Amino acid sequence: MWTRKQLLAKPKPRLVDIILDLQARGAQHSHNSSKPPSADGYTKPAPKNLREQTGRNTGGQNGHPGYTLQPVEKPDKTVSHRLTACPCGCGKDLSRLPLVRHERRQVFDLPVIGLVVTEHQAEVKLCHTTGREVMAPFPDGVNAPAQYGSVFRGWLSYWRHQQLLPLDRIAQMCQDLFGRIISEATIQAVETSLHRILAPFETHVKTLLCQAPLAHFDETGMRVKGRLHWLHCACTATLTWHGVHAKRGRKASNMPTLIAPIARMPV
């Protein structure tokens, strides 16, 4: 890079100004300009540790309770290993000797995971009055010849919204863990059904936010099908609501799913 002294020695001041301006632009980053941190690339400075130095070693400190795995008093399963031949090398038969004690070791592991299929059979009989077939009612929620239960659908929603897993990763997990091939459309259908179930709760949260004496409003950019949208937030100390809209400011309040106080946000 040329120094300012070298550039000023050149006979073309207009070209010097252009080069200096380009150099100044190239030196801009998120700390000395309005550029976002994502624009820093690989040249961003190393993060600084804001913790106060205490001089203590890393790891657990003296007096820390710790979380070492401990045996339980009543295990779910017990496997007995018999001692029939002496392992010291003499080869003596120990099968008839009395037992002194058991040495215990416990292994904590997951059971083999699989979906449990429950078949509901509704009785069908003939009505004495009309002579037509009548059928016993199925339980609420049992609406199809084959469907996924509420617990499994809850896990699909948890992976999607709490763990933020993509649809194809969730489908792969279901095939790897449960041996079931599930389509991305099925996962999205679960999201749609849960959205309908939670609609009254969302309405109640909006009502409480409108009645709150003080609330905080903010928005942040996000991508929806490759285009910029805005995730609006309205919250208090105990309530939080989010809504997505293509607009950032006042126009977003016209969307039916956004609450009225967002109309008071500055554009």
C-alpha atoms as a PDB file:
ATOM      1  CA  MET A   1       0.000   0.000   0.000  1.00  0.00           C
ATOM      2  CA  TRP A   2       1.308   3.459  -0.872  1.00  0.00           C
ATOM      3  CA  THR A   3       1.912   5.949   1.907  1.00  0.00           C
ATOM      4  CA  ARG A   4       0.173   9.289   1.881  1.00  0.00           C
ATOM      5  CA  LYS A   5       3.505  11.027   1.352  1.00  0.00           C
ATOM      6  CA  GLN A   6       4.244   8.969  -1.745  1.00  0.00           C
ATOM      7  CA  LEU A   7       0.799   9.594  -3.175  1.00  0.00           C
ATOM      8  CA  LEU A   8       0.909  13.338  -2.546  1.00  0.00           C
ATOM      9  CA  ALA A   9       4.209  13.505  -4.435  1.00  0.00           C
ATOM     10  CA  LYS A  10       2.453  12.385  -7.609  1.00  0.00           C
ATOM     11  CA  PRO A  11       1.502  15.101 -10.143  1.00  0.00           C
ATOM     12  CA  LYS A  12      -2.161  14.058 -10.458  1.00  0.00           C
ATOM     13  CA  PRO A  13      -4.056  15.166  -7.322  1.00  0.00           C
ATOM     14  CA  ARG A  14      -7.426  13.891  -8.597  1.00  0.00           C
ATOM     15  CA  LEU A  15      -6.021  10.357  -8.987  1.00  0.00           C
ATOM     16  CA  VAL A  16      -4.440  10.660  -5.541  1.00  0.00           C
ATOM     17  CA  ASP A  17      -7.798  11.506  -3.990  1.00  0.00           C
ATOM     18  CA  ILE A  18      -9.421   8.514  -5.677  1.00  0.00           C
ATOM     19  CA  ILE A  19      -6.731   6.127  -4.446  1.00  0.00           C
ATOM     20  CA  LEU A  20      -6.894   7.518  -0.909  1.00  0.00           C
ATOM     21  CA  ASP A  21     -10.675   7.152  -0.920  1.00  0.00           C
ATOM     22  CA  LEU A  22     -10.429   3.536  -2.096  1.00  0.00           C
ATOM     23  CA  GLN A  23      -7.836   2.759   0.562  1.00  0.00           C
ATOM     24  CA  ALA A  24     -10.055   4.300   3.233  1.00  0.00           C
ATOM     25  CA  ARG A  25     -13.001   2.209   2.080  1.00  0.00           C
ATOM     26  CA  GLY A  26     -10.925  -0.951   2.143  1.00  0.00           C
ATOM     27  CA  ALA A  27      -9.887  -0.233   5.726  1.00  0.00           C
ATOM     28  CA  GLN A  28     -13.482   0.030   6.952  1.00  0.00           C
ATOM     29  CA  HIS A  29     -14.868  -2.657   9.226  1.00  0.00           C
ATOM     30  CA  SER A  30     -17.663  -3.037  11.757  1.00  0.00           C
ATOM     31  CA  HIS A  31     -15.741  -1.135  14.474  1.00  0.00           C
ATOM     32  CA  ASN A  32     -14.985   2.056  12.534  1.00  0.00           C
ATOM     33  CA  SER A  33     -17.985   2.273  10.190  1.00  0.00           C
ATOM     34  CA  SER A  34     -21.635   1.286   9.814  1.00  0.00           C
ATOM     35  CA  LYS A  35     -20.741  -2.072   8.281  1.00  0.00           C
ATOM     36  CA  PRO A  36     -22.279  -5.091  10.040  1.00  0.00           C
ATOM     37  CA  PRO A  37     -19.960  -7.631  11.728  1.00  0.00           C
ATOM     38  CA  SER A  38     -20.809 -10.174   9.021  1.00  0.00           C
ATOM     39  CA  ALA A  39     -18.971  -7.962   6.504  1.00  0.00           C
ATOM     40  CA  ASP A  40     -15.654  -8.334   8.348  1.00  0.00           C
ATOM     41  CA  GLY A  41     -15.043 -11.778   6.849  1.00  0.00           C
ATOM     42  CA  TYR A  42     -11.921 -13.549   8.089  1.00  0.00           C
ATOM     43  CA  THR A  43     -10.219 -10.286   9.051  1.00  0.00           C
ATOM     44  CA  LYS A  44     -12.354  -9.719  12.146  1.00  0.00           C
ATOM     45  CA  PRO A  45     -10.350  -9.337  15.359  1.00  0.00           C
ATOM     46  CA  ALA A  46     -10.136 -12.171  17.830  1.00  0.00           C
ATOM     47  CA  PRO A  47     -12.838 -12.026  20.511  1.00  0.00           C
ATOM     48  CA  LYS A  48     -11.826 -10.582  23.838  1.00  0.00           C
ATOM     49  CA  ASN A  49     -12.539 -12.343  27.095  1.00  0.00           C
ATOM     50  CA  LEU A  50     -14.606  -9.973  29.228  1.00  0.00           C
ATOM     51  CA  ARG A  51     -14.299 -12.104  32.359  1.00  0.00           C
ATOM     52  CA  GLU A  52     -12.177 -10.789  35.178  1.00  0.00           C
ATOM     53  CA  GLN A  53      -8.920 -12.654  35.720  1.00  0.00           C
ATOM     54  CA  THR A  54      -8.993 -14.505  39.051  1.00  0.00           C
ATOM     55  CA  GLY A  55      -5.741 -16.442  38.869  1.00  0.00           C
ATOM     56  CA  ARG A  56      -7.513 -19.767  39.455  1.00  0.00           C
ATOM     57  CA  ASN A  57      -7.068 -22.807  37.246  1.00  0.00           C
ATOM     58  CA  THR A  58      -9.757 -23.711  34.730  1.00  0.00           C
ATOM     59  CA  GLY A  59     -12.304 -26.415  35.519  1.00  0.00           C
ATOM     60  CA  GLY A  60     -14.220 -27.237  38.676  1.00  0.00           C
ATOM     61  CA  GLN A  61     -13.180 -25.347  41.787  1.00  0.00           C
ATOM     62  CA  ASN A  62     -12.880 -26.602  45.342  1.00  0.00           C
ATOM     63  CA  GLY A  63     -16.304 -26.968  46.915  1.00  0.00           C
ATOM     64  CA  HIS A  64     -18.055 -27.343  43.565  1.00  0.00           C
ATOM     65  CA  PRO A  65     -20.788 -30.015  43.896  1.00  0.00           C
ATOM     66  CA  GLY A  66     -19.854 -31.781  40.641  1.00  0.00           C
ATOM     67  CA  TYR A  67     -22.002 -34.016  38.442  1.00  0.00           C
ATOM     68  CA  THR A  68     -20.265 -37.408  38.501  1.00  0.00           C
ATOM     69  CA  LEU A  69     -22.497 -40.300  37.430  1.00  0.00           C
ATOM     70  CA  GLN A  70     -23.566 -42.248  40.516  1.00  0.00           C
ATOM     71  CA  PRO A  71     -25.075 -45.766  40.782  1.00  0.00           C
ATOM     72  CA  VAL A  72     -28.768 -46.063  41.621  1.00  0.00           C
ATOM     73  CA  GLU A  73     -30.261 -48.230  44.367  1.00  0.00           C
ATOM     74  CA  LYS A  74     -32.864 -49.933  42.138  1.00  0.00           C
ATOM     75  CA  PRO A  75     -31.658 -50.575  38.574  1.00  0.00           C
ATOM     76  CA  ASP A  76     -34.173 -51.287  35.825  1.00  0.00           C
ATOM     77  CA  LYS A  77     -32.433 -54.498  34.819  1.00  0.00           C
ATOM     78  CA  THR A  78     -29.962 -56.833  36.539  1.00  0.00           C
ATOM     79  CA  VAL A  79     -27.641 -59.284  34.750  1.00  0.00           C
ATOM     80  CA  SER A  80     -25.849 -61.907  36.866  1.00  0.00           C
ATOM     81  CA  HIS A  81     -22.439 -63.208  35.710  1.00  0.00           C
ATOM     82  CA  ARG A  82     -21.669 -66.626  37.226  1.00  0.00           C
ATOM     83  CA  LEU A  83     -18.192 -67.687  38.281  1.00  0.00           C
ATOM     84  CA  THR A  84     -17.696 -71.374  37.472  1.00  0.00           C
ATOM     85  CA  ALA A  85     -13.923 -71.646  36.956  1.00  0.00           C
ATOM     86  CA  CYS A  86     -11.171 -69.897  38.904  1.00  0.00           C
ATOM     87  CA  PRO A  87      -9.679 -67.052  36.803  1.00  0.00           C
ATOM     88  CA  CYS A  88      -6.350 -67.019  38.692  1.00  0.00           C
ATOM     89  CA  GLY A  89      -4.923 -69.746  36.454  1.00  0.00           C
ATOM     90  CA  CYS A  90      -5.391 -72.853  38.549  1.00  0.00           C
ATOM     91  CA  GLY A  91      -8.559 -73.863  36.703  1.00  0.00           C
ATOM     92  CA  LYS A  92     -10.361 -75.115  39.830  1.00  0.00           C
ATOM     93  CA  ASP A  93     -14.131 -75.667  39.618  1.00  0.00           C
ATOM     94  CA  LEU A  94     -15.919 -72.985  41.674  1.00  0.00           C
ATOM     95  CA  SER A  95     -19.509 -73.761  40.673  1.00  0.00           C
ATOM     96  CA  ARG A  96     -20.293 -75.509  43.975  1.00  0.00           C
ATOM     97  CA  LEU A  97     -18.649 -72.989  46.301  1.00  0.00           C
ATOM     98  CA  PRO A  98     -20.896 -70.595  48.288  1.00  0.00           C
ATOM     99  CA  LEU A  99     -21.268 -66.995  47.094  1.00  0.00           C
ATOM    100  CA  VAL A 100     -19.301 -64.421  49.094  1.00  0.00           C
ATOM    101  CA  ARG A 101     -20.766 -61.255  47.564  1.00  0.00           C
ATOM    102  CA  HIS A 102     -21.545 -59.466  44.280  1.00  0.00           C
ATOM    103  CA  GLU A 103     -19.355 -56.773  42.783  1.00  0.00           C
ATOM    104  CA  ARG A 104     -21.686 -54.189  41.232  1.00  0.00           C
ATOM    105  CA  ARG A 105     -21.159 -52.042  38.138  1.00  0.00           C
ATOM    106  CA  GLN A 106     -23.939 -50.120  36.396  1.00  0.00           C
ATOM    107  CA  VAL A 107     -24.230 -49.044  32.759  1.00  0.00           C
ATOM    108  CA  PHE A 108     -26.541 -46.148  31.869  1.00  0.00           C
ATOM    109  CA  ASP A 109     -27.766 -46.380  28.291  1.00  0.00           C
ATOM    110  CA  LEU A 110     -30.777 -45.721  26.092  1.00  0.00           C
ATOM    111  CA  PRO A 111     -33.197 -48.516  25.237  1.00  0.00           C
ATOM    112  CA  VAL A 112     -33.675 -49.579  21.653  1.00  0.00           C
ATOM    113  CA  ILE A 113     -35.886 -46.847  20.215  1.00  0.00           C
ATOM    114  CA  GLY A 114     -38.889 -47.715  18.104  1.00  0.00           C
ATOM    115  CA  LEU A 115     -42.405 -46.523  17.462  1.00  0.00           C
ATOM    116  CA  VAL A 116     -45.137 -48.379  19.362  1.00  0.00           C
ATOM    117  CA  VAL A 117     -48.131 -49.057  17.105  1.00  0.00           C
ATOM    118  CA  THR A 118     -51.511 -49.049  18.858  1.00  0.00           C
ATOM    119  CA  GLU A 119     -54.479 -50.339  16.868  1.00  0.00           C
ATOM    120  CA  HIS A 120     -57.923 -49.024  17.718  1.00  0.00           C
ATOM    121  CA  GLN A 121     -60.791 -51.351  16.843  1.00  0.00           C
ATOM    122  CA  ALA A 122     -64.292 -49.916  16.914  1.00  0.00           C
ATOM    123  CA  GLU A 123     -67.128 -52.408  17.148  1.00  0.00           C
ATOM    124  CA  VAL A 124     -69.699 -52.409  14.354  1.00  0.00           C
ATOM    125  CA  LYS A 125     -73.208 -53.769  15.011  1.00  0.00           C
ATOM    126  CA  LEU A 126     -76.680 -53.733  13.438  1.00  0.00           C
ATOM    127  CA  CYS A 127     -79.300 -51.373  14.782  1.00  0.00           C
ATOM    128  CA  HIS A 128     -82.541 -53.194  15.732  1.00  0.00           C
ATOM    129  CA  THR A 129     -84.622 -50.173  14.746  1.00  0.00           C
ATOM    130  CA  THR A 130     -83.170 -49.198  11.372  1.00  0.00           C
ATOM    131  CA  GLY A 131     -81.283 -52.352  10.465  1.00  0.00           C
ATOM    132  CA  ARG A 132     -78.256 -50.295   9.509  1.00  0.00           C
ATOM    133  CA  GLU A 133     -74.677 -50.748  10.735  1.00  0.00           C
ATOM    134  CA  VAL A 134     -73.624 -48.552  13.638  1.00  0.00           C
ATOM    135  CA  MET A 135     -70.075 -48.132  14.912  1.00  0.00           C
ATOM    136  CA  ALA A 136     -68.533 -47.245  18.267  1.00  0.00           C
ATOM    137  CA  PRO A 137     -66.760 -43.871  18.227  1.00  0.00           C
ATOM    138  CA  PHE A 138     -62.992 -43.689  17.984  1.00  0.00           C
ATOM    139  CA  PRO A 139     -61.034 -41.609  20.543  1.00  0.00           C
ATOM    140  CA  ASP A 140     -60.498 -37.935  19.793  1.00  0.00           C
ATOM    141  CA  GLY A 141     -57.624 -37.434  17.405  1.00  0.00           C
ATOM    142  CA  VAL A 142     -57.805 -40.917  15.869  1.00  0.00           C
ATOM    143  CA  ASN A 143     -59.017 -39.842  12.458  1.00  0.00           C
ATOM    144  CA  ALA A 144     -57.115 -41.869   9.854  1.00  0.00           C
ATOM    145  CA  PRO A 145     -56.400 -45.539   9.115  1.00  0.00           C
ATOM    146  CA  ALA A 146     -52.733 -44.861   9.960  1.00  0.00           C
ATOM    147  CA  GLN A 147     -51.319 -41.774  11.625  1.00  0.00           C
ATOM    148  CA  TYR A 148     -48.592 -40.553  13.986  1.00  0.00           C
ATOM    149  CA  GLY A 149     -49.426 -40.047  17.665  1.00  0.00           C
ATOM    150  CA  SER A 150     -49.261 -36.841  19.673  1.00  0.00           C
ATOM    151  CA  VAL A 151     -45.970 -37.696  21.433  1.00  0.00           C
ATOM    152  CA  PHE A 152     -44.135 -38.337  18.172  1.00  0.00           C
ATOM    153  CA  ARG A 153     -45.630 -35.220  16.575  1.00  0.00           C
ATOM    154  CA  GLY A 154     -44.476 -33.254  19.617  1.00  0.00           C
ATOM    155  CA  TRP A 155     -40.923 -34.492  19.055  1.00  0.00           C
ATOM    156  CA  LEU A 156     -41.081 -33.423  15.406  1.00  0.00           C
ATOM    157  CA  SER A 157     -42.078 -29.937  16.477  1.00  0.00           C
ATOM    158  CA  TYR A 158     -39.361 -29.862  19.166  1.00  0.00           C
ATOM    159  CA  TRP A 159     -36.627 -30.794  16.696  1.00  0.00           C
ATOM    160  CA  ARG A 160     -37.909 -28.248  14.207  1.00  0.00           C
ATOM    161  CA  HIS A 161     -38.449 -25.196  16.435  1.00  0.00           C
ATOM    162  CA  GLN A 162     -36.326 -25.710  19.550  1.00  0.00           C
ATOM    163  CA  GLN A 163     -33.313 -27.459  18.001  1.00  0.00           C
ATOM    164  CA  LEU A 164     -33.751 -25.623  14.641  1.00  0.00           C
ATOM    165  CA  LEU A 165     -33.110 -28.722  12.527  1.00  0.00           C
ATOM    166  CA  PRO A 166     -33.820 -28.586   8.775  1.00  0.00           C
ATOM    167  CA  LEU A 167     -36.643 -30.713   7.398  1.00  0.00           C
ATOM    168  CA  ASP A 168     -34.327 -33.147   5.607  1.00  0.00           C
ATOM    169  CA  ARG A 169     -32.285 -33.696   8.790  1.00  0.00           C
ATOM    170  CA  ILE A 170     -35.437 -34.493  10.785  1.00  0.00           C
ATOM    171  CA  ALA A 171     -36.538 -36.951   8.109  1.00  0.00           C
ATOM    172  CA  GLN A 172     -33.114 -38.587   8.204  1.00  0.00           C
ATOM    173  CA  MET A 173     -33.253 -38.867  12.017  1.00  0.00           C
ATOM    174  CA  CYS A 174     -36.637 -40.588  11.863  1.00  0.00           C
ATOM    175  CA  GLN A 175     -35.314 -43.130   9.399  1.00  0.00           C
ATOM    176  CA  ASP A 176     -32.084 -43.734  11.350  1.00  0.00           C
ATOM    177  CA  LEU A 177     -33.648 -43.911  14.825  1.00  0.00           C
ATOM    178  CA  PHE A 178     -37.091 -45.387  14.190  1.00  0.00           C
ATOM    179  CA  GLY A 179     -36.773 -47.083  10.799  1.00  0.00           C
ATOM    180  CA  ARG A 180     -39.611 -44.948   9.450  1.00  0.00           C
ATOM    181  CA  ILE A 181     -39.393 -42.878   6.281  1.00  0.00           C
ATOM    182  CA  ILE A 182     -41.239 -39.615   6.925  1.00  0.00           C
ATOM    183  CA  SER A 183     -41.708 -36.932   4.282  1.00  0.00           C
ATOM    184  CA  GLU A 184     -40.966 -33.242   4.726  1.00  0.00           C
ATOM    185  CA  ALA A 185     -44.618 -32.516   3.895  1.00  0.00           C
ATOM    186  CA  THR A 186     -45.677 -34.598   6.927  1.00  0.00           C
ATOM    187  CA  ILE A 187     -43.409 -32.537   9.205  1.00  0.00           C
ATOM    188  CA  GLN A 188     -44.855 -29.313   7.806  1.00  0.00           C
ATOM    189  CA  ALA A 189     -48.384 -30.678   8.295  1.00  0.00           C
ATOM    190  CA  VAL A 190     -47.532 -31.254  11.966  1.00  0.00           C
ATOM    191  CA  GLU A 191     -46.401 -27.632  12.234  1.00  0.00           C
ATOM    192  CA  THR A 192     -49.661 -26.439  10.669  1.00  0.00           C
ATOM    193  CA  SER A 193     -51.816 -28.502  13.035  1.00  0.00           C
ATOM    194  CA  LEU A 194     -49.900 -27.313  16.105  1.00  0.00           C
ATOM    195  CA  HIS A 195     -50.242 -23.731  14.890  1.00  0.00           C
ATOM    196  CA  ARG A 196     -54.024 -24.151  14.866  1.00  0.00           C
ATOM    197  CA  ILE A 197     -53.962 -25.695  18.343  1.00  0.00           C
ATOM    198  CA  LEU A 198     -51.856 -22.823  19.741  1.00  0.00           C
ATOM    199  CA  ALA A 199     -53.922 -20.075  18.045  1.00  0.00           C
ATOM    200  CA  PRO A 200     -56.050 -19.346  21.169  1.00  0.00           C
ATOM    201  CA  PHE A 201     -52.888 -19.116  23.275  1.00  0.00           C
ATOM    202  CA  GLU A 202     -51.307 -16.689  20.801  1.00  0.00           C
ATOM    203  CA  THR A 203     -54.436 -14.530  20.856  1.00  0.00           C
ATOM    204  CA  HIS A 204     -54.327 -14.469  24.652  1.00  0.00           C
ATOM    205  CA  VAL A 205     -50.667 -13.391  24.631  1.00  0.00           C
ATOM    206  CA  LYS A 206     -51.465 -10.570  22.209  1.00  0.00           C
ATOM    207  CA  THR A 207     -54.304  -9.389  24.446  1.00  0.00           C
ATOM    208  CA  LEU A 208     -52.060  -9.319  27.507  1.00  0.00           C
ATOM    209  CA  LEU A 209     -49.357  -7.424  25.613  1.00  0.00           C
ATOM    210  CA  CYS A 210     -51.871  -4.789  24.517  1.00  0.00           C
ATOM    211  CA  GLN A 211     -52.968  -4.379  28.136  1.00  0.00           C
ATOM    212  CA  ALA A 212     -49.417  -4.143  29.513  1.00  0.00           C
ATOM    213  CA  PRO A 213     -48.446  -0.674  30.845  1.00  0.00           C
ATOM    214  CA  LEU A 214     -44.980  -0.996  29.296  1.00  0.00           C
ATOM    215  CA  ALA A 215     -43.745  -3.232  26.465  1.00  0.00           C
ATOM    216  CA  HIS A 216     -40.623  -3.504  24.324  1.00  0.00           C
ATOM    217  CA  PHE A 217     -40.729  -3.694  20.516  1.00  0.00           C
ATOM    218  CA  ASP A 218     -37.923  -4.637  18.159  1.00  0.00           C
ATOM    219  CA  GLU A 219     -37.267  -6.325  14.824  1.00  0.00           C
ATOM    220  CA  THR A 220     -34.412  -8.117  13.123  1.00  0.00           C
ATOM    221  CA  GLY A 221     -33.825  -9.171   9.541  1.00  0.00           C
ATOM    222  CA  MET A 222     -34.292 -12.757   8.355  1.00  0.00           C
ATOM    223  CA  ARG A 223     -34.572 -14.619   5.046  1.00  0.00           C
ATOM    224  CA  VAL A 224     -37.836 -16.125   3.806  1.00  0.00           C
ATOM    225  CA  LYS A 225     -37.447 -17.988   0.495  1.00  0.00           C
ATOM    226  CA  GLY A 226     -34.275 -16.021  -0.166  1.00  0.00           C
ATOM    227  CA  ARG A 227     -35.841 -12.597   0.369  1.00  0.00           C
ATOM    228  CA  LEU A 228     -35.406 -10.175   3.245  1.00  0.00           C
ATOM    229  CA  HIS A 229     -38.209 -10.208   5.837  1.00  0.00           C
ATOM    230  CA  TRP A 230     -38.418  -8.936   9.392  1.00  0.00           C
ATOM    231  CA  LEU A 231     -38.969 -10.868  12.592  1.00  0.00           C
ATOM    232  CA  HIS A 232     -40.940  -8.528  14.860  1.00  0.00           C
ATOM    233  CA  CYS A 233     -40.831  -8.966  18.610  1.00  0.00           C
ATOM    234  CA  ALA A 234     -43.130  -7.619  21.307  1.00  0.00           C
ATOM    235  CA  CYS A 235     -42.349  -8.521  24.903  1.00  0.00           C
ATOM    236  CA  THR A 236     -42.567  -7.700  28.585  1.00  0.00           C
ATOM    237  CA  ALA A 237     -40.767  -9.253  31.528  1.00  0.00           C
ATOM    238  CA  THR A 238     -43.056 -12.304  31.365  1.00  0.00           C
ATOM    239  CA  LEU A 239     -44.471 -12.351  27.794  1.00  0.00           C
ATOM    240  CA  THR A 240     -42.837 -12.720  24.376  1.00  0.00           C
ATOM    241  CA  TRP A 241     -44.467 -12.691  20.950  1.00  0.00           C
ATOM    242  CA  HIS A 242     -42.823 -12.997  17.507  1.00  0.00           C
ATOM    243  CA  GLY A 243     -44.253 -12.368  14.036  1.00  0.00           C
ATOM    244  CA  VAL A 244     -42.711 -12.354  10.542  1.00  0.00           C
ATOM    245  CA  HIS A 245     -43.534  -9.699   7.960  1.00  0.00           C
ATOM    246  CA  ALA A 246     -42.003  -8.437   4.720  1.00  0.00           C
ATOM    247  CA  LYS A 247     -41.997  -4.850   6.025  1.00  0.00           C
ATOM    248  CA  ARG A 248     -39.969  -3.447   8.872  1.00  0.00           C
ATOM    249  CA  GLY A 249     -41.963  -0.548  10.286  1.00  0.00           C
ATOM    250  CA  ARG A 250     -45.461   0.891  10.320  1.00  0.00           C
ATOM    251  CA  LYS A 251     -46.775  -1.085   7.347  1.00  0.00           C
ATOM    252  CA  ALA A 252     -46.208  -4.318   9.241  1.00  0.00           C
ATOM    253  CA  SER A 253     -48.977  -3.379  11.684  1.00  0.00           C
ATOM    254  CA  ASN A 254     -51.574  -3.881   8.931  1.00  0.00           C
ATOM    255  CA  MET A 255     -50.940  -7.633   8.901  1.00  0.00           C
ATOM    256  CA  PRO A 256     -53.701  -9.371  10.889  1.00  0.00           C
ATOM    257  CA  THR A 257     -51.243 -11.477  12.890  1.00  0.00           C
ATOM    258  CA  LEU A 258     -49.355  -8.461  14.221  1.00  0.00           C
ATOM    259  CA  ILE A 259     -50.584  -6.780  17.350  1.00  0.00           C
ATOM    260  CA  ALA A 260     -51.785  -3.192  17.447  1.00  0.00           C
ATOM    261  CA  PRO A 261     -48.951  -1.630  19.522  1.00  0.00           C
ATOM    262  CA  ILE A 262     -46.462  -2.247  16.685  1.00  0.00           C
ATOM    263  CA  ALA A 263     -48.250   0.582  14.856  1.00  0.00           C
ATOM    264  CA  ARG A 264     -46.641   2.948  17.376  1.00  0.00           C
ATOM    265  CA  MET A 265     -43.131   1.808  16.426  1.00  0.00           C
ATOM    266  CA  PRO A 266     -40.996   4.441  14.605  1.00  0.00           C
ATOM    267  CA  VAL A 267     -40.599   3.910  10.896  1.00  0.00           C
END
